[in-house]
Amino acid sequence: MVVPAISNPNPCTGSSLCGGAASNIILVQADNVTINRLVLDGDNPGLTSGISRGGADLDARNGIITNHALNTPFNNLTVSNVTVKNIYLRGIYASSGGTFNFHDNTVMNVQGDSSSIGIFNFEGAGVMAHNEVSYANDAISSNWSTGVKFLDNEVTHSGSGVHTDNAGAYGGTADLIQGNEIKHCMTDGYGIFVFAPYIAPTVDDNEIEGCAVGLAAFGQGLLMTSPVTIQFTDNAVNGKHALTSDPSGTLGVLVSTDLLGWGSTDVSVSFTKNVIERFSTGVYVEQQCELFGSWFPTDCASPTQATAVLHNNIIKGNNTGANGLIGTTVDAENNWWGCKKGPNQPGCDTAIGTVDFTPWLTKPPKLDH
């Protein structure tokens, strides 16, 4: 077991390395580094920070992190079969913009503050596969990706499962979020979301249960002049046991132009062969910042367009099946709504607002999962 030599989990805000003041268990400063079969515990029993989370006293700010302060990308970083636990801010972090492969790791209790992340990439490209993350404010994510594959990870008891933000702004390849299992989110937790992509990611064959929001898409990259259409295919989202403080309830799918404090942009999504069930609202589409306008009142000062196309999905067992708010375009033709007679009939989910649901399927579609 490896523990931090010093205790300094929170010497600053808004930075992971804090100008060198942060306590790190492993600081990577070279190419071709492999870290394998270790246990990294950010709670050194010989030290006391006074910051307690998840029953541990957190001494390490970061578990494994690259030294991005050197302003050079470190490539070919491999972290495998490593356990990282009891960390304040970053569990495993490729922060330099290099390439990486993070696979078969276990990350637990990374929840020092609201910005804590279990496994994270910044500006780089690589693979995050077969990892298990639990009790993290943000489990697995990437910002400004140049091509990340999030494959077959398991996430529980976290604020969000998997998300990618600003993907493709600096080029590269499309992100792929595939085969992940996300369950038992924290209150108001998100399963998978995509935020402001420049190159459209694909979200495929994931299973989400017990999250307040199952799948979400927020806008697209700033200054993009053509649609960046995010593909959601063959996912199963179930609102059973989801916890929310929002009086409007849980959402299976959330599509919004809102960039949550960064203005708003058009959003375009395609949903095919997904199962969306047991939410307050199965599919919710907005373009005037109705959900978060009280927090970000100027985001929707300029008009933007939300466009959602949903075909061959199963949308059933929700209080409201689909709701398209004013101005949105929601093509929800050829979906199964729970009964042969179609939406707004006994035994079927409802479809309201701008939702175009005619024709509908009279039997469930054949799915790939």
Foldseek 3Di string as FASTA:
>chain_A
DFEWPFADQPPDPPDQCNVVPFTERAEDEAAQAEAAQEEYEQADVVDADPQDFPRGRGRGNEYYEYDLVVQAQHEEYEYAHYEFERHAAEYHERENQYEYEYAHYEYEAHPNDLRHEYYEYENHEYEYEHYEYENTQHYEEYEQYQEYEYYQYEYEAYQEAYEYEQYQPVHHDAYEAENYEYEHYDAQHEYYEYAAYPAAHEYEHYEYEQALEYYEYEAHHPPDPDAREHEYEQYEYANPNHHYPDPLWGEDYEYEQFNQQPAGEEHHYEYAAYEFAHTQEHEEYDYQCPPCCVVHVCRCVDGYEYEYEYAQYEQEHYNARYEYAPRYHAEQEAYHFQAQVDAPDPRGHHYDDNYDHPPYDHDHGDHPD
